């Protein structure tokens, strides 16, 4: 039995009201598939999707989803399908899903897929229950198939941060790791050299005592290397610069 989404009251945020500010560098650039007619324009749209979903400044070749890229270029899938595929990819699962709690995953997903922050703690709890019951893939489907996503981005627009006003971009305030996971990684990295573990490290070292074995010299026979006969004649050399005469 699937647990229905808990009810919560949306709060008044910047993206829910009309804006009257003058467009400036904070105004998001909108990427639409309708505006793409050549390969370079499709490539810009694809990189915008990577930046939005992965929130990484550099995308490694290992993380790229070439199958999805090819399909969206050929218009075999929509931009919404591209976003869905990136959000469900194994690369994002390794980078984000497995390194964060359900509450933080809700915070990250709302910002990257719906372009807004969570309304309140009640919304985070409601969606975290969805993750617990449906898994990450089911949670992604619930967000992308929602009326909010459809009314703001439709099928052909890459999600973006809606009306950033006086706040830093989401990719700066919501890094890949939470504080608790980052601290856990740091503690594991420096555990061996931590001064607090010095006594534990010192006690774990096994000290072996060096034992000397006495040797009886009387039992050692040294062979006689002296010659029985002395060399006869005059030394001969083929070197013309030698100090003794040639024979």
C-alpha atoms as a PDB file:
ATOM      1  CA  UNK A   1       0.000   0.000   0.000  1.00  0.00           C
ATOM      2  CA  UNK A   2       1.429   3.368  -1.056  1.00  0.00           C
ATOM      3  CA  UNK A   3       1.292   6.098   1.578  1.00  0.00           C
ATOM      4  CA  UNK A   4      -0.262   9.277   0.119  1.00  0.00           C
ATOM      5  CA  UNK A   5       1.688  12.498   0.210  1.00  0.00           C
ATOM      6  CA  UNK A   6       1.139  14.306   3.507  1.00  0.00           C
ATOM      7  CA  UNK A   7      -0.569  17.677   3.343  1.00  0.00           C
ATOM      8  CA  UNK A   8       1.482  20.831   3.866  1.00  0.00           C
ATOM      9  CA  UNK A   9       0.839  24.523   3.334  1.00  0.00           C
ATOM     10  CA  UNK A  10       2.957  26.269   0.693  1.00  0.00           C
ATOM     11  CA  UNK A  11       4.573  29.426   2.002  1.00  0.00           C
ATOM     12  CA  UNK A  12       5.017  32.700   0.135  1.00  0.00           C
ATOM     13  CA  UNK A  13       8.371  32.547  -1.623  1.00  0.00           C
ATOM     14  CA  UNK A  14       9.875  34.672  -4.359  1.00  0.00           C
ATOM     15  CA  UNK A  15       9.037  32.203  -7.116  1.00  0.00           C
ATOM     16  CA  UNK A  16       5.320  32.271  -6.216  1.00  0.00           C
ATOM     17  CA  UNK A  17       4.814  35.997  -6.795  1.00  0.00           C
ATOM     18  CA  UNK A  18       5.322  38.170  -9.835  1.00  0.00           C
ATOM     19  CA  UNK A  19       8.647  39.976 -10.035  1.00  0.00           C
ATOM     20  CA  UNK A  20       9.143  43.647 -10.867  1.00  0.00           C
ATOM     21  CA  UNK A  21      12.916  43.869 -10.641  1.00  0.00           C
ATOM     22  CA  UNK A  22      14.951  45.017 -13.629  1.00  0.00           C
ATOM     23  CA  UNK A  23      16.544  42.071 -15.492  1.00  0.00           C
ATOM     24  CA  UNK A  24      20.225  41.711 -14.625  1.00  0.00           C
ATOM     25  CA  UNK A  25      22.917  39.043 -14.337  1.00  0.00           C
ATOM     26  CA  UNK A  26      20.783  37.187 -11.775  1.00  0.00           C
ATOM     27  CA  UNK A  27      18.007  36.655 -14.302  1.00  0.00           C
ATOM     28  CA  UNK A  28      18.166  32.978 -15.320  1.00  0.00           C
ATOM     29  CA  UNK A  29      18.755  32.034 -18.939  1.00  0.00           C
ATOM     30  CA  UNK A  30      16.041  29.736 -20.226  1.00  0.00           C
ATOM     31  CA  UNK A  31      17.027  26.822 -22.459  1.00  0.00           C
ATOM     32  CA  UNK A  32      14.268  25.487 -24.727  1.00  0.00           C
ATOM     33  CA  UNK A  33      14.456  22.703 -27.275  1.00  0.00           C
ATOM     34  CA  UNK A  34      12.355  24.835 -29.657  1.00  0.00           C
ATOM     35  CA  UNK A  35      15.252  27.294 -29.840  1.00  0.00           C
ATOM     36  CA  UNK A  36      17.739  24.594 -30.899  1.00  0.00           C
ATOM     37  CA  UNK A  37      18.290  24.058 -34.592  1.00  0.00           C
ATOM     38  CA  UNK A  38      21.999  23.157 -34.825  1.00  0.00           C
ATOM     39  CA  UNK A  39      24.213  20.779 -32.883  1.00  0.00           C
ATOM     40  CA  UNK A  40      25.986  23.521 -30.905  1.00  0.00           C
ATOM     41  CA  UNK A  41      22.664  24.843 -29.572  1.00  0.00           C
ATOM     42  CA  UNK A  42      21.599  21.353 -28.532  1.00  0.00           C
ATOM     43  CA  UNK A  43      24.954  20.916 -26.816  1.00  0.00           C
ATOM     44  CA  UNK A  44      24.407  24.104 -24.786  1.00  0.00           C
ATOM     45  CA  UNK A  45      20.994  22.816 -23.715  1.00  0.00           C
ATOM     46  CA  UNK A  46      22.472  19.469 -22.688  1.00  0.00           C
ATOM     47  CA  UNK A  47      25.223  21.097 -20.621  1.00  0.00           C
ATOM     48  CA  UNK A  48      22.617  23.315 -18.965  1.00  0.00           C
ATOM     49  CA  UNK A  49      20.735  20.149 -17.989  1.00  0.00           C
ATOM     50  CA  UNK A  50      23.907  18.614 -16.546  1.00  0.00           C
ATOM     51  CA  UNK A  51      24.668  21.759 -14.543  1.00  0.00           C
ATOM     52  CA  UNK A  52      21.116  21.898 -13.203  1.00  0.00           C
ATOM     53  CA  UNK A  53      20.781  18.234 -12.206  1.00  0.00           C
ATOM     54  CA  UNK A  54      24.357  17.413 -11.183  1.00  0.00           C
ATOM     55  CA  UNK A  55      25.230  20.915  -9.908  1.00  0.00           C
ATOM     56  CA  UNK A  56      28.866  20.289 -10.850  1.00  0.00           C
ATOM     57  CA  UNK A  57      31.184  22.830 -12.449  1.00  0.00           C
ATOM     58  CA  UNK A  58      32.886  20.081 -14.444  1.00  0.00           C
ATOM     59  CA  UNK A  59      31.212  16.952 -15.797  1.00  0.00           C
ATOM     60  CA  UNK A  60      33.580  14.031 -16.205  1.00  0.00           C
ATOM     61  CA  UNK A  61      33.327  11.847 -19.276  1.00  0.00           C
ATOM     62  CA  UNK A  62      32.572   8.926 -16.970  1.00  0.00           C
ATOM     63  CA  UNK A  63      29.361  10.619 -15.795  1.00  0.00           C
ATOM     64  CA  UNK A  64      28.004  11.577 -19.202  1.00  0.00           C
ATOM     65  CA  UNK A  65      24.849   9.867 -20.447  1.00  0.00           C
ATOM     66  CA  UNK A  66      25.587   9.684 -24.160  1.00  0.00           C
ATOM     67  CA  UNK A  67      22.452   7.665 -24.933  1.00  0.00           C
ATOM     68  CA  UNK A  68      20.208  10.391 -23.514  1.00  0.00           C
ATOM     69  CA  UNK A  69      22.232  13.091 -25.272  1.00  0.00           C
ATOM     70  CA  UNK A  70      21.788  11.379 -28.637  1.00  0.00           C
ATOM     71  CA  UNK A  71      18.053  10.884 -28.154  1.00  0.00           C
ATOM     72  CA  UNK A  72      17.339  14.484 -27.204  1.00  0.00           C
ATOM     73  CA  UNK A  73      19.393  15.737 -30.166  1.00  0.00           C
ATOM     74  CA  UNK A  74      17.293  13.555 -32.487  1.00  0.00           C
ATOM     75  CA  UNK A  75      14.121  14.742 -30.682  1.00  0.00           C
ATOM     76  CA  UNK A  76      13.330  11.143 -29.810  1.00  0.00           C
ATOM     77  CA  UNK A  77      12.768  12.244 -26.205  1.00  0.00           C
ATOM     78  CA  UNK A  78      11.748  15.540 -24.633  1.00  0.00           C
ATOM     79  CA  UNK A  79      13.842  17.717 -22.348  1.00  0.00           C
ATOM     80  CA  UNK A  80      11.708  16.489 -19.456  1.00  0.00           C
ATOM     81  CA  UNK A  81      12.713  12.904 -20.303  1.00  0.00           C
ATOM     82  CA  UNK A  82      16.349  14.044 -20.386  1.00  0.00           C
ATOM     83  CA  UNK A  83      16.032  15.546 -16.907  1.00  0.00           C
ATOM     84  CA  UNK A  84      14.316  12.395 -15.666  1.00  0.00           C
ATOM     85  CA  UNK A  85      17.077  10.196 -17.092  1.00  0.00           C
ATOM     86  CA  UNK A  86      19.871  12.315 -15.588  1.00  0.00           C
ATOM     87  CA  UNK A  87      18.172  12.332 -12.190  1.00  0.00           C
ATOM     88  CA  UNK A  88      17.855   8.538 -12.243  1.00  0.00           C
ATOM     89  CA  UNK A  89      21.341   7.867 -13.611  1.00  0.00           C
ATOM     90  CA  UNK A  90      23.821   5.708 -11.748  1.00  0.00           C
ATOM     91  CA  UNK A  91      26.276   8.621 -11.758  1.00  0.00           C
ATOM     92  CA  UNK A  92      23.920  10.867  -9.763  1.00  0.00           C
ATOM     93  CA  UNK A  93      23.100   8.002  -7.454  1.00  0.00           C
ATOM     94  CA  UNK A  94      26.783   7.536  -6.617  1.00  0.00           C
ATOM     95  CA  UNK A  95      27.488  11.258  -6.282  1.00  0.00           C
ATOM     96  CA  UNK A  96      24.407  12.449  -4.410  1.00  0.00           C
ATOM     97  CA  UNK A  97      21.818   9.849  -3.426  1.00  0.00           C
ATOM     98  CA  UNK A  98      24.095   7.462  -1.551  1.00  0.00           C
ATOM     99  CA  UNK A  99      25.881  10.237   0.354  1.00  0.00           C
ATOM    100  CA  UNK A 100      22.890  12.107   1.796  1.00  0.00           C
ATOM    101  CA  UNK A 101      19.909  11.527   4.062  1.00  0.00           C
ATOM    102  CA  UNK A 102      16.318  11.549   2.791  1.00  0.00           C
ATOM    103  CA  UNK A 103      15.696  15.035   4.198  1.00  0.00           C
ATOM    104  CA  UNK A 104      18.678  16.449   2.365  1.00  0.00           C
ATOM    105  CA  UNK A 105      17.721  14.605  -0.822  1.00  0.00           C
ATOM    106  CA  UNK A 106      14.358  16.375  -0.698  1.00  0.00           C
ATOM    107  CA  UNK A 107      16.105  19.726  -0.314  1.00  0.00           C
ATOM    108  CA  UNK A 108      18.449  18.996  -3.228  1.00  0.00           C
ATOM    109  CA  UNK A 109      15.769  17.568  -5.534  1.00  0.00           C
ATOM    110  CA  UNK A 110      13.339  20.463  -5.038  1.00  0.00           C
ATOM    111  CA  UNK A 111      16.061  22.947  -5.899  1.00  0.00           C
ATOM    112  CA  UNK A 112      17.410  21.082  -8.905  1.00  0.00           C
ATOM    113  CA  UNK A 113      14.200  19.655 -10.385  1.00  0.00           C
ATOM    114  CA  UNK A 114      11.574  22.232  -9.387  1.00  0.00           C
ATOM    115  CA  UNK A 115      13.843  25.272  -9.142  1.00  0.00           C
ATOM    116  CA  UNK A 116      12.800  26.277  -5.643  1.00  0.00           C
ATOM    117  CA  UNK A 117      13.628  25.654  -2.002  1.00  0.00           C
ATOM    118  CA  UNK A 118      11.348  23.640   0.250  1.00  0.00           C
ATOM    119  CA  UNK A 119       8.450  25.548   1.749  1.00  0.00           C
ATOM    120  CA  UNK A 120       8.921  24.302   5.290  1.00  0.00           C
ATOM    121  CA  UNK A 121       9.890  21.301   7.386  1.00  0.00           C
ATOM    122  CA  UNK A 122       6.481  19.713   6.826  1.00  0.00           C
ATOM    123  CA  UNK A 123       7.120  19.506   3.085  1.00  0.00           C
ATOM    124  CA  UNK A 124      10.532  17.925   3.648  1.00  0.00           C
ATOM    125  CA  UNK A 125       8.975  15.297   5.917  1.00  0.00           C
ATOM    126  CA  UNK A 126       6.170  14.595   3.419  1.00  0.00           C
ATOM    127  CA  UNK A 127       8.528  14.063   0.496  1.00  0.00           C
ATOM    128  CA  UNK A 128      11.051  12.098   2.580  1.00  0.00           C
ATOM    129  CA  UNK A 129       8.271   9.578   3.265  1.00  0.00           C
ATOM    130  CA  UNK A 130       7.841   9.276  -0.504  1.00  0.00           C
ATOM    131  CA  UNK A 131      11.530   8.436  -0.835  1.00  0.00           C
ATOM    132  CA  UNK A 132      11.212   5.836   1.923  1.00  0.00           C
ATOM    133  CA  UNK A 133       8.202   4.159   0.289  1.00  0.00           C
ATOM    134  CA  UNK A 134       8.824   4.636  -3.447  1.00  0.00           C
ATOM    135  CA  UNK A 135      12.608   4.874  -3.537  1.00  0.00           C
ATOM    136  CA  UNK A 136      14.640   7.569  -5.285  1.00  0.00           C
ATOM    137  CA  UNK A 137      13.322   6.757  -8.770  1.00  0.00           C
ATOM    138  CA  UNK A 138       9.710   6.925  -7.650  1.00  0.00           C
ATOM    139  CA  UNK A 139      10.386  10.228  -5.906  1.00  0.00           C
ATOM    140  CA  UNK A 140      11.927  11.658  -9.101  1.00  0.00           C
ATOM    141  CA  UNK A 141       8.884  10.568 -11.103  1.00  0.00           C
ATOM    142  CA  UNK A 142       6.554  12.191  -8.571  1.00  0.00           C
ATOM    143  CA  UNK A 143       8.351  15.534  -8.892  1.00  0.00           C
ATOM    144  CA  UNK A 144       8.766  15.560 -12.675  1.00  0.00           C
ATOM    145  CA  UNK A 145       5.196  14.370 -13.293  1.00  0.00           C
ATOM    146  CA  UNK A 146       3.781  16.951 -10.876  1.00  0.00           C
ATOM    147  CA  UNK A 147       1.592  19.832 -11.955  1.00  0.00           C
ATOM    148  CA  UNK A 148       4.146  22.294 -10.585  1.00  0.00           C
ATOM    149  CA  UNK A 149       6.875  20.993 -12.888  1.00  0.00           C
ATOM    150  CA  UNK A 150       4.556  20.868 -15.895  1.00  0.00           C
ATOM    151  CA  UNK A 151       3.210  24.394 -15.409  1.00  0.00           C
ATOM    152  CA  UNK A 152       6.680  25.939 -14.953  1.00  0.00           C
ATOM    153  CA  UNK A 153       8.896  23.984 -17.340  1.00  0.00           C
ATOM    154  CA  UNK A 154       6.642  21.828 -19.505  1.00  0.00           C
ATOM    155  CA  UNK A 155       8.232  19.233 -21.755  1.00  0.00           C
ATOM    156  CA  UNK A 156      10.887  21.332 -23.458  1.00  0.00           C
ATOM    157  CA  UNK A 157      12.474  23.677 -20.872  1.00  0.00           C
ATOM    158  CA  UNK A 158      15.487  22.862 -18.706  1.00  0.00           C
ATOM    159  CA  UNK A 159      14.605  23.575 -15.030  1.00  0.00           C
ATOM    160  CA  UNK A 160      16.240  26.657 -13.543  1.00  0.00           C
ATOM    161  CA  UNK A 161      16.265  28.543 -10.265  1.00  0.00           C
ATOM    162  CA  UNK A 162      13.104  30.576 -10.380  1.00  0.00           C
ATOM    163  CA  UNK A 163      13.519  34.224  -9.388  1.00  0.00           C
ATOM    164  CA  UNK A 164      16.751  34.284  -7.423  1.00  0.00           C
ATOM    165  CA  UNK A 165      16.476  37.470  -5.377  1.00  0.00           C
ATOM    166  CA  UNK A 166      19.211  38.557  -2.950  1.00  0.00           C
ATOM    167  CA  UNK A 167      20.171  34.926  -2.274  1.00  0.00           C
ATOM    168  CA  UNK A 168      23.120  32.937  -3.479  1.00  0.00           C
ATOM    169  CA  UNK A 169      22.601  30.340  -6.226  1.00  0.00           C
ATOM    170  CA  UNK A 170      21.391  26.933  -5.125  1.00  0.00           C
ATOM    171  CA  UNK A 171      24.546  25.209  -6.371  1.00  0.00           C
ATOM    172  CA  UNK A 172      26.588  27.280  -3.884  1.00  0.00           C
ATOM    173  CA  UNK A 173      24.363  26.876  -0.829  1.00  0.00           C
ATOM    174  CA  UNK A 174      23.632  23.202  -1.504  1.00  0.00           C
ATOM    175  CA  UNK A 175      26.912  21.393  -2.217  1.00  0.00           C
ATOM    176  CA  UNK A 176      27.086  17.706  -2.986  1.00  0.00           C
ATOM    177  CA  UNK A 177      27.801  16.591   0.594  1.00  0.00           C
ATOM    178  CA  UNK A 178      26.057  17.602   3.777  1.00  0.00           C
ATOM    179  CA  UNK A 179      28.124  18.726   6.760  1.00  0.00           C
ATOM    180  CA  UNK A 180      27.704  15.414   8.552  1.00  0.00           C
ATOM    181  CA  UNK A 181      28.890  13.375   5.538  1.00  0.00           C
ATOM    182  CA  UNK A 182      31.776  15.744   4.838  1.00  0.00           C
ATOM    183  CA  UNK A 183      32.949  15.531   8.456  1.00  0.00           C
ATOM    184  CA  UNK A 184      32.640  11.745   8.342  1.00  0.00           C
ATOM    185  CA  UNK A 185      34.829  11.600   5.254  1.00  0.00           C
ATOM    186  CA  UNK A 186      37.418  13.895   6.844  1.00  0.00           C
ATOM    187  CA  UNK A 187      37.544  11.856  10.034  1.00  0.00           C
ATOM    188  CA  UNK A 188      38.024   8.639   8.071  1.00  0.00           C
ATOM    189  CA  UNK A 189      40.719  10.223   5.937  1.00  0.00           C
ATOM    190  CA  UNK A 190      42.886  11.461   8.820  1.00  0.00           C
ATOM    191  CA  UNK A 191      42.163   8.754  11.381  1.00  0.00           C
ATOM    192  CA  UNK A 192      45.542   7.032  10.984  1.00  0.00           C
ATOM    193  CA  UNK A 193      47.499  10.240  11.592  1.00  0.00           C
ATOM    194  CA  UNK A 194      45.225  11.803  14.192  1.00  0.00           C
ATOM    195  CA  UNK A 195      47.074  12.749  17.397  1.00  0.00           C
ATOM    196  CA  UNK A 196      44.162  11.313  19.413  1.00  0.00           C
ATOM    197  CA  UNK A 197      44.962   7.877  18.036  1.00  0.00           C
ATOM    198  CA  UNK A 198      48.686   8.044  18.812  1.00  0.00           C
ATOM    199  CA  UNK A 199      48.586   5.657  21.792  1.00  0.00           C
ATOM    200  CA  UNK A 200      46.390   3.210  19.888  1.00  0.00           C
ATOM    201  CA  UNK A 201      48.785   3.348  16.964  1.00  0.00           C
ATOM    202  CA  UNK A 202      51.847   2.933  19.231  1.00  0.00           C
ATOM    203  CA  UNK A 203      50.338  -0.080  21.031  1.00  0.00           C
ATOM    204  CA  UNK A 204      49.473  -1.742  17.760  1.00  0.00           C
ATOM    205  CA  UNK A 205      53.113  -1.793  16.648  1.00  0.00           C
ATOM    206  CA  UNK A 206      54.787  -5.149  17.360  1.00  0.00           C
ATOM    207  CA  UNK A 207      58.359  -4.728  18.580  1.00  0.00           C
ATOM    208  CA  UNK A 208      60.614  -7.667  17.849  1.00  0.00           C
ATOM    209  CA  UNK A 209      63.713  -8.219  20.020  1.00  0.00           C
ATOM    210  CA  UNK A 210      66.925  -8.649  18.034  1.00  0.00           C
ATOM    211  CA  UNK A 211      68.722 -11.857  19.006  1.00  0.00           C
ATOM    212  CA  UNK A 212      72.451 -12.378  18.379  1.00  0.00           C
ATOM    213  CA  UNK A 213      73.727 -15.858  17.539  1.00  0.00           C
ATOM    214  CA  UNK A 214      77.310 -16.535  18.794  1.00  0.00           C
ATOM    215  CA  UNK A 215      79.752 -17.926  16.227  1.00  0.00           C
ATOM    216  CA  UNK A 216      82.676 -20.262  17.111  1.00  0.00           C
ATOM    217  CA  UNK A 217      85.704 -19.157  15.098  1.00  0.00           C
ATOM    218  CA  UNK A 218      87.535 -22.394  15.775  1.00  0.00           C
ATOM    219  CA  UNK A 219      85.229 -24.258  13.471  1.00  0.00           C
ATOM    220  CA  UNK A 220      85.945 -21.952  10.545  1.00  0.00           C
ATOM    221  CA  UNK A 221      88.669 -23.168   8.161  1.00  0.00           C
ATOM    222  CA  UNK A 222      90.336 -20.463   6.106  1.00  0.00           C
ATOM    223  CA  UNK A 223      91.829 -21.855   2.864  1.00  0.00           C
ATOM    224  CA  UNK A 224      95.490 -21.214   2.083  1.00  0.00           C
ATOM    225  CA  UNK A 225      95.622 -18.783  -0.862  1.00  0.00           C
ATOM    226  CA  UNK A 226      99.421 -18.570  -1.162  1.00  0.00           C
ATOM    227  CA  UNK A 227     101.099 -19.718  -4.375  1.00  0.00           C
ATOM    228  CA  UNK A 228     103.525 -22.577  -4.402  1.00  0.00           C
ATOM    229  CA  UNK A 229     105.695 -21.111  -7.235  1.00  0.00           C
ATOM    230  CA  UNK A 230     106.788 -17.615  -8.085  1.00  0.00           C
ATOM    231  CA  UNK A 231     106.164 -16.158 -11.567  1.00  0.00           C
ATOM    232  CA  UNK A 232     109.171 -16.461 -13.911  1.00  0.00           C
ATOM    233  CA  UNK A 233     110.366 -14.258 -16.812  1.00  0.00           C
ATOM    234  CA  UNK A 234     109.780 -10.631 -17.733  1.00  0.00           C
ATOM    235  CA  UNK A 235     106.207  -9.207 -17.799  1.00  0.00           C
ATOM    236  CA  UNK A 236     104.953  -8.736 -21.346  1.00  0.00           C
ATOM    237  CA  UNK A 237     102.413  -6.143 -22.420  1.00  0.00           C
ATOM    238  CA  UNK A 238     100.845  -5.277 -25.769  1.00  0.00           C
ATOM    239  CA  UNK A 239     100.337  -1.677 -24.647  1.00  0.00           C
ATOM    240  CA  UNK A 240     102.960   0.563 -26.318  1.00  0.00           C
ATOM    241  CA  UNK A 241     102.689   3.096 -23.491  1.00  0.00           C
ATOM    242  CA  UNK A 242     103.506   0.589 -20.753  1.00  0.00           C
ATOM    243  CA  UNK A 243     106.442   1.327 -18.466  1.00  0.00           C
ATOM    244  CA  UNK A 244     108.104  -2.049 -18.965  1.00  0.00           C
ATOM    245  CA  UNK A 245     109.622  -3.242 -22.258  1.00  0.00           C
ATOM    246  CA  UNK A 246     107.890  -5.457 -24.752  1.00  0.00           C
ATOM    247  CA  UNK A 247     109.082  -9.045 -24.901  1.00  0.00           C
END
